[in-house]
Amino acid sequence: MLSTIPKLADKAFIIGFLLPVILFLAALLFLFSDLACVSDILKLMTEAGNIEKIVYISLLVWGLSTVMMMLDHLLYQVVEGYRWPISKLKGARSREMRRFQKKSRRFEELELQWKGSGD
């Protein structure tokens, strides 16, 4: 447990998880700045003496980054099809295999034509 704590401050964590969360939240604040609740948050951040609010926002960013790090491996497995729901899409897999085989045969035909025209 204690051996994983340094992972929360290394270069990979900062670039891979913390920076994307900061950019995502900044984009959300920019895109939805016309909403009342978002404009209130922006006002709190710009006012002097609201250090505790900035600390809360920093803890939110760090917490979201940590959650992203914990779910990283699981999300990759879902996207790659090792876990539900994509693993249950057998028809999509067979369709993709047929598409790959068709493209592979076409590639082999073109390769034979290329080699035959080079003689």
PDB file of N, CA and C in Angstrom:
ATOM      1  N   MET A   1       0.824  -1.192   0.000  1.00  0.00           N
ATOM      2  CA  MET A   1       0.000   0.000   0.000  1.00  0.00           C
ATOM      3  C   MET A   1       0.869   1.258   0.000  1.00  0.00           C
ATOM      4  N   LEU A   2       1.827   1.332   0.914  1.00  0.00           N
ATOM      5  CA  LEU A   2       2.667   2.518   0.991  1.00  0.00           C
ATOM      6  C   LEU A   2       3.632   2.618  -0.179  1.00  0.00           C
ATOM      7  N   SER A   3       3.907   1.508  -0.829  1.00  0.00           N
ATOM      8  CA  SER A   3       4.837   1.548  -1.959  1.00  0.00           C
ATOM      9  C   SER A   3       4.204   2.197  -3.187  1.00  0.00           C
ATOM     10  N   THR A   4       2.876   2.305  -3.257  1.00  0.00           N
ATOM     11  CA  THR A   4       2.218   2.915  -4.407  1.00  0.00           C
ATOM     12  C   THR A   4       2.021   4.412  -4.255  1.00  0.00           C
ATOM     13  N   ILE A   5       2.294   4.966  -3.088  1.00  0.00           N
ATOM     14  CA  ILE A   5       2.100   6.395  -2.880  1.00  0.00           C
ATOM     15  C   ILE A   5       2.999   7.246  -3.776  1.00  0.00           C
ATOM     16  N   PRO A   6       4.263   6.892  -3.999  1.00  0.00           N
ATOM     17  CA  PRO A   6       5.080   7.720  -4.897  1.00  0.00           C
ATOM     18  C   PRO A   6       4.538   7.789  -6.330  1.00  0.00           C
ATOM     19  N   LYS A   7       3.699   6.849  -6.741  1.00  0.00           N
ATOM     20  CA  LYS A   7       3.117   6.896  -8.082  1.00  0.00           C
ATOM     21  C   LYS A   7       2.195   8.096  -8.259  1.00  0.00           C
ATOM     22  N   LEU A   8       1.708   8.667  -7.152  1.00  0.00           N
ATOM     23  CA  LEU A   8       0.779   9.792  -7.227  1.00  0.00           C
ATOM     24  C   LEU A   8       1.483  11.127  -7.412  1.00  0.00           C
ATOM     25  N   ALA A   9       2.781  11.112  -7.549  1.00  0.00           N
ATOM     26  CA  ALA A   9       3.518  12.353  -7.765  1.00  0.00           C
ATOM     27  C   ALA A   9       4.600  12.206  -8.824  1.00  0.00           C
ATOM     28  N   ASP A  10       4.613  11.110  -9.562  1.00  0.00           N
ATOM     29  CA  ASP A  10       5.664  10.949 -10.559  1.00  0.00           C
ATOM     30  C   ASP A  10       5.245  11.552 -11.898  1.00  0.00           C
ATOM     31  N   LYS A  11       6.178  11.544 -12.812  1.00  0.00           N
ATOM     32  CA  LYS A  11       5.987  12.172 -14.124  1.00  0.00           C
ATOM     33  C   LYS A  11       4.845  11.525 -14.904  1.00  0.00           C
ATOM     34  N   ALA A  12       4.742  10.203 -14.849  1.00  0.00           N
ATOM     35  CA  ALA A  12       3.690   9.499 -15.593  1.00  0.00           C
ATOM     36  C   ALA A  12       2.304   9.881 -15.080  1.00  0.00           C
ATOM     37  N   PHE A  13       2.149  10.018 -13.772  1.00  0.00           N
ATOM     38  CA  PHE A  13       0.856  10.405 -13.206  1.00  0.00           C
ATOM     39  C   PHE A  13       0.504  11.826 -13.610  1.00  0.00           C
ATOM     40  N   ILE A  14       1.466  12.717 -13.541  1.00  0.00           N
ATOM     41  CA  ILE A  14       1.189  14.120 -13.854  1.00  0.00           C
ATOM     42  C   ILE A  14       0.821  14.287 -15.323  1.00  0.00           C
ATOM     43  N   ILE A  15       1.576  13.664 -16.216  1.00  0.00           N
ATOM     44  CA  ILE A  15       1.309  13.813 -17.652  1.00  0.00           C
ATOM     45  C   ILE A  15       0.104  12.981 -18.091  1.00  0.00           C
ATOM     46  N   GLY A  16      -0.040  11.788 -17.536  1.00  0.00           N
ATOM     47  CA  GLY A  16      -1.080  10.885 -18.006  1.00  0.00           C
ATOM     48  C   GLY A  16      -2.446  11.072 -17.382  1.00  0.00           C
ATOM     49  N   PHE A  17      -2.505  11.607 -16.174  1.00  0.00           N
ATOM     50  CA  PHE A  17      -3.793  11.697 -15.485  1.00  0.00           C
ATOM     51  C   PHE A  17      -4.110  13.098 -14.978  1.00  0.00           C
ATOM     52  N   LEU A  18      -3.165  13.745 -14.316  1.00  0.00           N
ATOM     53  CA  LEU A  18      -3.434  15.048 -13.723  1.00  0.00           C
ATOM     54  C   LEU A  18      -3.643  16.123 -14.788  1.00  0.00           C
ATOM     55  N   LEU A  19      -2.750  16.186 -15.764  1.00  0.00           N
ATOM     56  CA  LEU A  19      -2.867  17.181 -16.821  1.00  0.00           C
ATOM     57  C   LEU A  19      -4.158  17.028 -17.640  1.00  0.00           C
ATOM     58  N   PRO A  20      -4.546  15.805 -18.057  1.00  0.00           N
ATOM     59  CA  PRO A  20      -5.820  15.686 -18.770  1.00  0.00           C
ATOM     60  C   PRO A  20      -7.030  16.112 -17.948  1.00  0.00           C
ATOM     61  N   VAL A  21      -7.033  15.842 -16.652  1.00  0.00           N
ATOM     62  CA  VAL A  21      -8.153  16.266 -15.815  1.00  0.00           C
ATOM     63  C   VAL A  21      -8.192  17.789 -15.709  1.00  0.00           C
ATOM     64  N   ILE A  22      -7.025  18.413 -15.545  1.00  0.00           N
ATOM     65  CA  ILE A  22      -6.978  19.874 -15.482  1.00  0.00           C
ATOM     66  C   ILE A  22      -7.477  20.475 -16.784  1.00  0.00           C
ATOM     67  N   LEU A  23      -7.023  19.941 -17.906  1.00  0.00           N
ATOM     68  CA  LEU A  23      -7.471  20.455 -19.205  1.00  0.00           C
ATOM     69  C   LEU A  23      -8.959  20.215 -19.423  1.00  0.00           C
ATOM     70  N   PHE A  24      -9.462  19.057 -18.998  1.00  0.00           N
ATOM     71  CA  PHE A  24     -10.879  18.752 -19.140  1.00  0.00           C
ATOM     72  C   PHE A  24     -11.727  19.716 -18.313  1.00  0.00           C
ATOM     73  N   LEU A  25     -11.338  19.940 -17.065  1.00  0.00           N
ATOM     74  CA  LEU A  25     -12.112  20.855 -16.220  1.00  0.00           C
ATOM     75  C   LEU A  25     -12.011  22.291 -16.722  1.00  0.00           C
ATOM     76  N   ALA A  26     -10.852  22.678 -17.227  1.00  0.00           N
ATOM     77  CA  ALA A  26     -10.710  24.022 -17.795  1.00  0.00           C
ATOM     78  C   ALA A  26     -11.598  24.182 -19.026  1.00  0.00           C
ATOM     79  N   ALA A  27     -11.648  23.145 -19.860  1.00  0.00           N
ATOM     80  CA  ALA A  27     -12.516  23.197 -21.043  1.00  0.00           C
ATOM     81  C   ALA A  27     -13.984  23.266 -20.637  1.00  0.00           C
ATOM     82  N   LEU A  28     -14.362  22.506 -19.614  1.00  0.00           N
ATOM     83  CA  LEU A  28     -15.745  22.577 -19.127  1.00  0.00           C
ATOM     84  C   LEU A  28     -16.080  23.970 -18.610  1.00  0.00           C
ATOM     85  N   LEU A  29     -15.169  24.555 -17.837  1.00  0.00           N
ATOM     86  CA  LEU A  29     -15.404  25.907 -17.334  1.00  0.00           C
ATOM     87  C   LEU A  29     -15.508  26.913 -18.472  1.00  0.00           C
ATOM     88  N   PHE A  30     -14.687  26.755 -19.491  1.00  0.00           N
ATOM     89  CA  PHE A  30     -14.735  27.669 -20.630  1.00  0.00           C
ATOM     90  C   PHE A  30     -16.014  27.483 -21.454  1.00  0.00           C
ATOM     91  N   LEU A  31     -16.371  26.239 -21.724  1.00  0.00           N
ATOM     92  CA  LEU A  31     -17.538  25.975 -22.569  1.00  0.00           C
ATOM     93  C   LEU A  31     -18.857  26.336 -21.897  1.00  0.00           C
ATOM     94  N   PHE A  32     -18.927  26.151 -20.586  1.00  0.00           N
ATOM     95  CA  PHE A  32     -20.178  26.406 -19.880  1.00  0.00           C
ATOM     96  C   PHE A  32     -20.090  27.633 -18.984  1.00  0.00           C
ATOM     97  N   SER A  33     -19.268  28.600 -19.360  1.00  0.00           N
ATOM     98  CA  SER A  33     -19.079  29.786 -18.536  1.00  0.00           C
ATOM     99  C   SER A  33     -20.313  30.678 -18.482  1.00  0.00           C
ATOM    100  N   ASP A  34     -21.242  30.499 -19.406  1.00  0.00           N
ATOM    101  CA  ASP A  34     -22.444  31.314 -19.379  1.00  0.00           C
ATOM    102  C   ASP A  34     -23.496  30.807 -18.389  1.00  0.00           C
ATOM    103  N   LEU A  35     -23.325  29.619 -17.847  1.00  0.00           N
ATOM    104  CA  LEU A  35     -24.245  29.117 -16.827  1.00  0.00           C
ATOM    105  C   LEU A  35     -23.957  29.786 -15.490  1.00  0.00           C
ATOM    106  N   ALA A  36     -24.997  29.945 -14.694  1.00  0.00           N
ATOM    107  CA  ALA A  36     -24.867  30.669 -13.428  1.00  0.00           C
ATOM    108  C   ALA A  36     -23.947  29.947 -12.445  1.00  0.00           C
ATOM    109  N   CYS A  37     -24.100  28.627 -12.333  1.00  0.00           N
ATOM    110  CA  CYS A  37     -23.276  27.893 -11.366  1.00  0.00           C
ATOM    111  C   CYS A  37     -21.795  27.919 -11.747  1.00  0.00           C
ATOM    112  N   VAL A  38     -21.501  27.876 -13.019  1.00  0.00           N
ATOM    113  CA  VAL A  38     -20.109  27.913 -13.471  1.00  0.00           C
ATOM    114  C   VAL A  38     -19.528  29.317 -13.292  1.00  0.00           C
ATOM    115  N   SER A  39     -20.328  30.332 -13.570  1.00  0.00           N
ATOM    116  CA  SER A  39     -19.824  31.698 -13.369  1.00  0.00           C
ATOM    117  C   SER A  39     -19.574  31.982 -11.893  1.00  0.00           C
ATOM    118  N   ASP A  40     -20.374  31.380 -11.007  1.00  0.00           N
ATOM    119  CA  ASP A  40     -20.118  31.521  -9.566  1.00  0.00           C
ATOM    120  C   ASP A  40     -18.788  30.888  -9.179  1.00  0.00           C
ATOM    121  N   ILE A  41     -18.492  29.733  -9.741  1.00  0.00           N
ATOM    122  CA  ILE A  41     -17.215  29.060  -9.472  1.00  0.00           C
ATOM    123  C   ILE A  41     -16.051  29.925  -9.966  1.00  0.00           C
ATOM    124  N   LEU A  42     -16.198  30.502 -11.143  1.00  0.00           N
ATOM    125  CA  LEU A  42     -15.140  31.358 -11.682  1.00  0.00           C
ATOM    126  C   LEU A  42     -14.936  32.601 -10.821  1.00  0.00           C
ATOM    127  N   LYS A  43     -16.027  33.175 -10.318  1.00  0.00           N
ATOM    128  CA  LYS A  43     -15.907  34.335  -9.431  1.00  0.00           C
ATOM    129  C   LYS A  43     -15.189  33.973  -8.144  1.00  0.00           C
ATOM    130  N   LEU A  44     -15.514  32.793  -7.573  1.00  0.00           N
ATOM    131  CA  LEU A  44     -14.849  32.364  -6.350  1.00  0.00           C
ATOM    132  C   LEU A  44     -13.354  32.170  -6.558  1.00  0.00           C
ATOM    133  N   MET A  45     -12.989  31.669  -7.723  1.00  0.00           N
ATOM    134  CA  MET A  45     -11.576  31.411  -7.993  1.00  0.00           C
ATOM    135  C   MET A  45     -10.794  32.706  -8.187  1.00  0.00           C
ATOM    136  N   THR A  46     -11.453  33.756  -8.690  1.00  0.00           N
ATOM    137  CA  THR A  46     -10.738  35.003  -8.963  1.00  0.00           C
ATOM    138  C   THR A  46     -10.710  35.940  -7.767  1.00  0.00           C
ATOM    139  N   GLU A  47     -11.583  35.750  -6.801  1.00  0.00           N
ATOM    140  CA  GLU A  47     -11.591  36.622  -5.628  1.00  0.00           C
ATOM    141  C   GLU A  47     -10.401  36.324  -4.726  1.00  0.00           C
ATOM    142  N   ALA A  48      -9.903  37.346  -4.103  1.00  0.00           N
ATOM    143  CA  ALA A  48      -8.773  37.192  -3.182  1.00  0.00           C
ATOM    144  C   ALA A  48      -9.288  36.660  -1.845  1.00  0.00           C
ATOM    145  N   GLY A  49      -8.478  35.857  -1.180  1.00  0.00           N
ATOM    146  CA  GLY A  49      -8.829  35.349   0.139  1.00  0.00           C
ATOM    147  C   GLY A  49      -9.639  34.072   0.121  1.00  0.00           C
ATOM    148  N   ASN A  50      -9.827  33.459  -1.022  1.00  0.00           N
ATOM    149  CA  ASN A  50     -10.580  32.215  -1.113  1.00  0.00           C
ATOM    150  C   ASN A  50      -9.634  31.038  -1.318  1.00  0.00           C
ATOM    151  N   ILE A  51      -8.633  30.986  -0.501  1.00  0.00           N
ATOM    152  CA  ILE A  51      -7.647  29.913  -0.616  1.00  0.00           C
ATOM    153  C   ILE A  51      -8.301  28.557  -0.384  1.00  0.00           C
ATOM    154  N   GLU A  52      -9.227  28.489   0.543  1.00  0.00           N
ATOM    155  CA  GLU A  52      -9.858  27.200   0.834  1.00  0.00           C
ATOM    156  C   GLU A  52     -10.649  26.675  -0.356  1.00  0.00           C
ATOM    157  N   LYS A  53     -11.268  27.557  -1.125  1.00  0.00           N
ATOM    158  CA  LYS A  53     -12.007  27.124  -2.322  1.00  0.00           C
ATOM    159  C   LYS A  53     -11.048  26.573  -3.372  1.00  0.00           C
ATOM    160  N   ILE A  54      -9.917  27.230  -3.510  1.00  0.00           N
ATOM    161  CA  ILE A  54      -8.915  26.758  -4.473  1.00  0.00           C
ATOM    162  C   ILE A  54      -8.343  25.413  -4.024  1.00  0.00           C
ATOM    163  N   VAL A  55      -8.177  25.245  -2.717  1.00  0.00           N
ATOM    164  CA  VAL A  55      -7.698  23.963  -2.198  1.00  0.00           C
ATOM    165  C   VAL A  55      -8.729  22.875  -2.469  1.00  0.00           C
ATOM    166  N   TYR A  56     -10.019  23.182  -2.310  1.00  0.00           N
ATOM    167  CA  TYR A  56     -11.068  22.200  -2.592  1.00  0.00           C
ATOM    168  C   TYR A  56     -11.062  21.801  -4.066  1.00  0.00           C
ATOM    169  N   ILE A  57     -10.897  22.781  -4.926  1.00  0.00           N
ATOM    170  CA  ILE A  57     -10.854  22.481  -6.364  1.00  0.00           C
ATOM    171  C   ILE A  57      -9.617  21.655  -6.702  1.00  0.00           C
ATOM    172  N   SER A  58      -8.494  21.973  -6.070  1.00  0.00           N
ATOM    173  CA  SER A  58      -7.269  21.194  -6.290  1.00  0.00           C
ATOM    174  C   SER A  58      -7.439  19.757  -5.815  1.00  0.00           C
ATOM    175  N   LEU A  59      -8.094  19.585  -4.669  1.00  0.00           N
ATOM    176  CA  LEU A  59      -8.360  18.228  -4.181  1.00  0.00           C
ATOM    177  C   LEU A  59      -9.320  17.483  -5.106  1.00  0.00           C
ATOM    178  N   LEU A  60     -10.283  18.189  -5.683  1.00  0.00           N
ATOM    179  CA  LEU A  60     -11.193  17.568  -6.653  1.00  0.00           C
ATOM    180  C   LEU A  60     -10.419  17.097  -7.876  1.00  0.00           C
ATOM    181  N   VAL A  61      -9.521  17.928  -8.372  1.00  0.00           N
ATOM    182  CA  VAL A  61      -8.709  17.561  -9.543  1.00  0.00           C
ATOM    183  C   VAL A  61      -7.831  16.363  -9.214  1.00  0.00           C
ATOM    184  N   TRP A  62      -7.174  16.401  -8.067  1.00  0.00           N
ATOM    185  CA  TRP A  62      -6.308  15.290  -7.671  1.00  0.00           C
ATOM    186  C   TRP A  62      -7.126  14.011  -7.472  1.00  0.00           C
ATOM    187  N   GLY A  63      -8.305  14.124  -6.872  1.00  0.00           N
ATOM    188  CA  GLY A  63      -9.163  12.953  -6.666  1.00  0.00           C
ATOM    189  C   GLY A  63      -9.634  12.349  -7.981  1.00  0.00           C
ATOM    190  N   LEU A  64     -10.055  13.202  -8.913  1.00  0.00           N
ATOM    191  CA  LEU A  64     -10.461  12.690 -10.231  1.00  0.00           C
ATOM    192  C   LEU A  64      -9.289  12.030 -10.951  1.00  0.00           C
ATOM    193  N   SER A  65      -8.105  12.597 -10.815  1.00  0.00           N
ATOM    194  CA  SER A  65      -6.912  11.998 -11.440  1.00  0.00           C
ATOM    195  C   SER A  65      -6.616  10.633 -10.839  1.00  0.00           C
ATOM    196  N   THR A  66      -6.777  10.521  -9.533  1.00  0.00           N
ATOM    197  CA  THR A  66      -6.535   9.243  -8.859  1.00  0.00           C
ATOM    198  C   THR A  66      -7.555   8.201  -9.296  1.00  0.00           C
ATOM    199  N   VAL A  67      -8.819   8.600  -9.423  1.00  0.00           N
ATOM    200  CA  VAL A  67      -9.852   7.675  -9.888  1.00  0.00           C
ATOM    201  C   VAL A  67      -9.554   7.230 -11.316  1.00  0.00           C
ATOM    202  N   MET A  68      -9.116   8.167 -12.160  1.00  0.00           N
ATOM    203  CA  MET A  68      -8.737   7.791 -13.526  1.00  0.00           C
ATOM    204  C   MET A  68      -7.595   6.786 -13.525  1.00  0.00           C
ATOM    205  N   MET A  69      -6.622   6.981 -12.638  1.00  0.00           N
ATOM    206  CA  MET A  69      -5.493   6.057 -12.575  1.00  0.00           C
ATOM    207  C   MET A  69      -5.956   4.672 -12.128  1.00  0.00           C
ATOM    208  N   MET A  70      -6.894   4.618 -11.176  1.00  0.00           N
ATOM    209  CA  MET A  70      -7.369   3.322 -10.691  1.00  0.00           C
ATOM    210  C   MET A  70      -8.187   2.590 -11.753  1.00  0.00           C
ATOM    211  N   LEU A  71      -8.911   3.331 -12.589  1.00  0.00           N
ATOM    212  CA  LEU A  71      -9.758   2.711 -13.606  1.00  0.00           C
ATOM    213  C   LEU A  71      -9.056   2.509 -14.940  1.00  0.00           C
ATOM    214  N   ASP A  72      -7.828   2.956 -15.051  1.00  0.00           N
ATOM    215  CA  ASP A  72      -7.108   2.928 -16.317  1.00  0.00           C
ATOM    216  C   ASP A  72      -7.041   1.530 -16.922  1.00  0.00           C
ATOM    217  N   HIS A  73      -6.567   0.565 -16.167  1.00  0.00           N
ATOM    218  CA  HIS A  73      -6.402  -0.797 -16.679  1.00  0.00           C
ATOM    219  C   HIS A  73      -7.756  -1.409 -17.049  1.00  0.00           C
ATOM    220  N   LEU A  74      -8.751  -1.189 -16.210  1.00  0.00           N
ATOM    221  CA  LEU A  74     -10.087  -1.716 -16.481  1.00  0.00           C
ATOM    222  C   LEU A  74     -10.671  -1.124 -17.756  1.00  0.00           C
ATOM    223  N   LEU A  75     -10.509   0.175 -17.951  1.00  0.00           N
ATOM    224  CA  LEU A  75     -11.045   0.818 -19.149  1.00  0.00           C
ATOM    225  C   LEU A  75     -10.351   0.315 -20.414  1.00  0.00           C
ATOM    226  N   TYR A  76      -9.035   0.100 -20.336  1.00  0.00           N
ATOM    227  CA  TYR A  76      -8.337  -0.468 -21.487  1.00  0.00           C
ATOM    228  C   TYR A  76      -8.865  -1.865 -21.809  1.00  0.00           C
ATOM    229  N   GLN A  77      -9.124  -2.662 -20.796  1.00  0.00           N
ATOM    230  CA  GLN A  77      -9.650  -4.007 -21.027  1.00  0.00           C
ATOM    231  C   GLN A  77     -11.039  -3.961 -21.648  1.00  0.00           C
ATOM    232  N   VAL A  78     -11.865  -3.012 -21.240  1.00  0.00           N
ATOM    233  CA  VAL A  78     -13.207  -2.880 -21.827  1.00  0.00           C
ATOM    234  C   VAL A  78     -13.093  -2.479 -23.288  1.00  0.00           C
ATOM    235  N   VAL A  79     -12.264  -1.483 -23.585  1.00  0.00           N
ATOM    236  CA  VAL A  79     -12.128  -0.999 -24.957  1.00  0.00           C
ATOM    237  C   VAL A  79     -11.521  -2.061 -25.869  1.00  0.00           C
ATOM    238  N   GLU A  80     -10.580  -2.842 -25.358  1.00  0.00           N
ATOM    239  CA  GLU A  80      -9.949  -3.880 -26.166  1.00  0.00           C
ATOM    240  C   GLU A  80     -10.826  -5.118 -26.322  1.00  0.00           C
ATOM    241  N   GLY A  81     -11.930  -5.191 -25.590  1.00  0.00           N
ATOM    242  CA  GLY A  81     -12.872  -6.283 -25.764  1.00  0.00           C
ATOM    243  C   GLY A  81     -12.673  -7.461 -24.838  1.00  0.00           C
ATOM    244  N   TYR A  82     -11.847  -7.318 -23.821  1.00  0.00           N
ATOM    245  CA  TYR A  82     -11.636  -8.418 -22.889  1.00  0.00           C
ATOM    246  C   TYR A  82     -12.733  -8.493 -21.826  1.00  0.00           C
ATOM    247  N   ARG A  83     -13.436  -7.409 -21.603  1.00  0.00           N
ATOM    248  CA  ARG A  83     -14.468  -7.340 -20.562  1.00  0.00           C
ATOM    249  C   ARG A  83     -15.786  -6.893 -21.165  1.00  0.00           C
ATOM    250  N   TRP A  84     -16.853  -7.097 -20.379  1.00  0.00           N
ATOM    251  CA  TRP A  84     -18.186  -6.661 -20.759  1.00  0.00           C
ATOM    252  C   TRP A  84     -18.185  -5.165 -20.921  1.00  0.00           C
ATOM    253  N   PRO A  85     -18.893  -4.573 -21.828  1.00  0.00           N
ATOM    254  CA  PRO A  85     -19.931  -5.063 -22.720  1.00  0.00           C
ATOM    255  C   PRO A  85     -19.421  -5.476 -24.095  1.00  0.00           C
ATOM    256  N   ILE A  86     -18.222  -5.053 -24.450  1.00  0.00           N
ATOM    257  CA  ILE A  86     -17.722  -5.331 -25.797  1.00  0.00           C
ATOM    258  C   ILE A  86     -17.430  -6.813 -25.983  1.00  0.00           C
ATOM    259  N   SER A  87     -17.098  -7.506 -24.918  1.00  0.00           N
ATOM    260  CA  SER A  87     -16.797  -8.930 -25.041  1.00  0.00           C
ATOM    261  C   SER A  87     -18.034  -9.735 -25.435  1.00  0.00           C
ATOM    262  N   LYS A  88     -19.208  -9.184 -25.223  1.00  0.00           N
ATOM    263  CA  LYS A  88     -20.449  -9.879 -25.573  1.00  0.00           C
ATOM    264  C   LYS A  88     -20.876  -9.647 -27.015  1.00  0.00           C
ATOM    265  N   LEU A  89     -20.164  -8.839 -27.739  1.00  0.00           N
ATOM    266  CA  LEU A  89     -20.510  -8.537 -29.127  1.00  0.00           C
ATOM    267  C   LEU A  89     -19.832  -9.526 -30.071  1.00  0.00           C
ATOM    268  N   LYS A  90     -20.289 -10.769 -30.051  1.00  0.00           N
ATOM    269  CA  LYS A  90     -19.674 -11.816 -30.884  1.00  0.00           C
ATOM    270  C   LYS A  90     -19.887 -11.537 -32.370  1.00  0.00           C
ATOM    271  N   GLY A  91     -21.057 -11.000 -32.730  1.00  0.00           N
ATOM    272  CA  GLY A  91     -21.340 -10.714 -34.137  1.00  0.00           C
ATOM    273  C   GLY A  91     -20.407  -9.660 -34.702  1.00  0.00           C
ATOM    274  N   ALA A  92     -20.113  -8.660 -33.905  1.00  0.00           N
ATOM    275  CA  ALA A  92     -19.208  -7.607 -34.359  1.00  0.00           C
ATOM    276  C   ALA A  92     -17.798  -8.164 -34.570  1.00  0.00           C
ATOM    277  N   ARG A  93     -17.407  -9.090 -33.702  1.00  0.00           N
ATOM    278  CA  ARG A  93     -16.070  -9.670 -33.850  1.00  0.00           C
ATOM    279  C   ARG A  93     -15.978 -10.507 -35.121  1.00  0.00           C
ATOM    280  N   SER A  94     -16.987 -11.337 -35.376  1.00  0.00           N
ATOM    281  CA  SER A  94     -16.950 -12.160 -36.590  1.00  0.00           C
ATOM    282  C   SER A  94     -17.034 -11.287 -37.840  1.00  0.00           C
ATOM    283  N   ARG A  95     -17.792 -10.212 -37.787  1.00  0.00           N
ATOM    284  CA  ARG A  95     -17.891  -9.292 -38.917  1.00  0.00           C
ATOM    285  C   ARG A  95     -16.533  -8.620 -39.162  1.00  0.00           C
ATOM    286  N   GLU A  96     -15.863  -8.234 -38.095  1.00  0.00           N
ATOM    287  CA  GLU A  96     -14.546  -7.613 -38.225  1.00  0.00           C
ATOM    288  C   GLU A  96     -13.526  -8.608 -38.764  1.00  0.00           C
ATOM    289  N   MET A  97     -13.605  -9.861 -38.345  1.00  0.00           N
ATOM    290  CA  MET A  97     -12.700 -10.892 -38.860  1.00  0.00           C
ATOM    291  C   MET A  97     -12.914 -11.100 -40.361  1.00  0.00           C
ATOM    292  N   ARG A  98     -14.183 -11.148 -40.794  1.00  0.00           N
ATOM    293  CA  ARG A  98     -14.462 -11.285 -42.233  1.00  0.00           C
ATOM    294  C   ARG A  98     -13.925 -10.096 -43.011  1.00  0.00           C
ATOM    295  N   ARG A  99     -14.092  -8.894 -42.471  1.00  0.00           N
ATOM    296  CA  ARG A  99     -13.594  -7.692 -43.133  1.00  0.00           C
ATOM    297  C   ARG A  99     -12.069  -7.735 -43.235  1.00  0.00           C
ATOM    298  N   PHE A 100     -11.410  -8.164 -42.172  1.00  0.00           N
ATOM    299  CA  PHE A 100      -9.947  -8.257 -42.180  1.00  0.00           C
ATOM    300  C   PHE A 100      -9.479  -9.282 -43.203  1.00  0.00           C
ATOM    301  N   GLN A 101     -10.136 -10.443 -43.256  1.00  0.00           N
ATOM    302  CA  GLN A 101      -9.737 -11.492 -44.209  1.00  0.00           C
ATOM    303  C   GLN A 101      -9.934 -11.029 -45.647  1.00  0.00           C
ATOM    304  N   LYS A 102     -11.014 -10.293 -45.901  1.00  0.00           N
ATOM    305  CA  LYS A 102     -11.260  -9.777 -47.243  1.00  0.00           C
ATOM    306  C   LYS A 102     -10.169  -8.788 -47.641  1.00  0.00           C
ATOM    307  N   LYS A 103      -9.811  -7.895 -46.734  1.00  0.00           N
ATOM    308  CA  LYS A 103      -8.746  -6.926 -47.015  1.00  0.00           C
ATOM    309  C   LYS A 103      -7.402  -7.625 -47.163  1.00  0.00           C
ATOM    310  N   SER A 104      -7.173  -8.657 -46.380  1.00  0.00           N
ATOM    311  CA  SER A 104      -5.919  -9.394 -46.450  1.00  0.00           C
ATOM    312  C   SER A 104      -5.794 -10.097 -47.799  1.00  0.00           C
ATOM    313  N   ARG A 105      -6.885 -10.715 -48.266  1.00  0.00           N
ATOM    314  CA  ARG A 105      -6.859 -11.363 -49.583  1.00  0.00           C
ATOM    315  C   ARG A 105      -6.603 -10.344 -50.683  1.00  0.00           C
ATOM    316  N   ARG A 106      -7.231  -9.171 -50.590  1.00  0.00           N
ATOM    317  CA  ARG A 106      -7.034  -8.120 -51.584  1.00  0.00           C
ATOM    318  C   ARG A 106      -5.574  -7.658 -51.583  1.00  0.00           C
ATOM    319  N   PHE A 107      -5.003  -7.529 -50.398  1.00  0.00           N
ATOM    320  CA  PHE A 107      -3.600  -7.133 -50.291  1.00  0.00           C
ATOM    321  C   PHE A 107      -2.701  -8.175 -50.937  1.00  0.00           C
ATOM    322  N   GLU A 108      -2.972  -9.452 -50.707  1.00  0.00           N
ATOM    323  CA  GLU A 108      -2.162 -10.520 -51.302  1.00  0.00           C
ATOM    324  C   GLU A 108      -2.277 -10.507 -52.818  1.00  0.00           C
ATOM    325  N   GLU A 109      -3.499 -10.252 -53.346  1.00  0.00           N
ATOM    326  CA  GLU A 109      -3.682 -10.170 -54.790  1.00  0.00           C
ATOM    327  C   GLU A 109      -2.863  -9.016 -55.376  1.00  0.00           C
ATOM    328  N   LEU A 110      -2.908  -7.868 -54.727  1.00  0.00           N
ATOM    329  CA  LEU A 110      -2.141  -6.715 -55.213  1.00  0.00           C
ATOM    330  C   LEU A 110      -0.634  -6.975 -55.140  1.00  0.00           C
ATOM    331  N   GLU A 111      -0.221  -7.679 -54.103  1.00  0.00           N
ATOM    332  CA  GLU A 111       1.192  -8.006 -53.976  1.00  0.00           C
ATOM    333  C   GLU A 111       1.638  -8.938 -55.098  1.00  0.00           C
ATOM    334  N   LEU A 112       0.792  -9.932 -55.446  1.00  0.00           N
ATOM    335  CA  LEU A 112       1.115 -10.833 -56.556  1.00  0.00           C
ATOM    336  C   LEU A 112       1.159 -10.075 -57.865  1.00  0.00           C
ATOM    337  N   GLN A 113       0.226  -9.131 -58.076  1.00  0.00           N
ATOM    338  CA  GLN A 113       0.229  -8.334 -59.295  1.00  0.00           C
ATOM    339  C   GLN A 113       1.502  -7.479 -59.365  1.00  0.00           C
ATOM    340  N   TRP A 114       1.892  -6.932 -58.239  1.00  0.00           N
ATOM    341  CA  TRP A 114       3.104  -6.088 -58.195  1.00  0.00           C
ATOM    342  C   TRP A 114       4.341  -6.903 -58.536  1.00  0.00           C
ATOM    343  N   LYS A 115       4.424  -8.082 -57.946  1.00  0.00           N
ATOM    344  CA  LYS A 115       5.583  -8.934 -58.215  1.00  0.00           C
ATOM    345  C   LYS A 115       5.569  -9.433 -59.647  1.00  0.00           C
ATOM    346  N   GLY A 116       4.365  -9.696 -60.200  1.00  0.00           N
ATOM    347  CA  GLY A 116       4.269 -10.171 -61.575  1.00  0.00           C
ATOM    348  C   GLY A 116       4.609  -9.081 -62.589  1.00  0.00           C
ATOM    349  N   SER A 117       4.303  -7.838 -62.291  1.00  0.00           N
ATOM    350  CA  SER A 117       4.586  -6.755 -63.231  1.00  0.00           C
ATOM    351  C   SER A 117       6.065  -6.338 -63.185  1.00  0.00           C
ATOM    352  N   GLY A 118       6.748  -6.708 -62.117  1.00  0.00           N
ATOM    353  CA  GLY A 118       8.171  -6.345 -61.968  1.00  0.00           C
ATOM    354  C   GLY A 118       9.093  -7.247 -62.762  1.00  0.00           C
ATOM    355  N   ASP A 119       8.614  -8.342 -63.267  1.00  0.00           N
ATOM    356  CA  ASP A 119       9.479  -9.288 -64.010  1.00  0.00           C
ATOM    357  C   ASP A 119       9.830  -8.823 -65.380  1.00  0.00           C
TER     358      ASP A 119
END
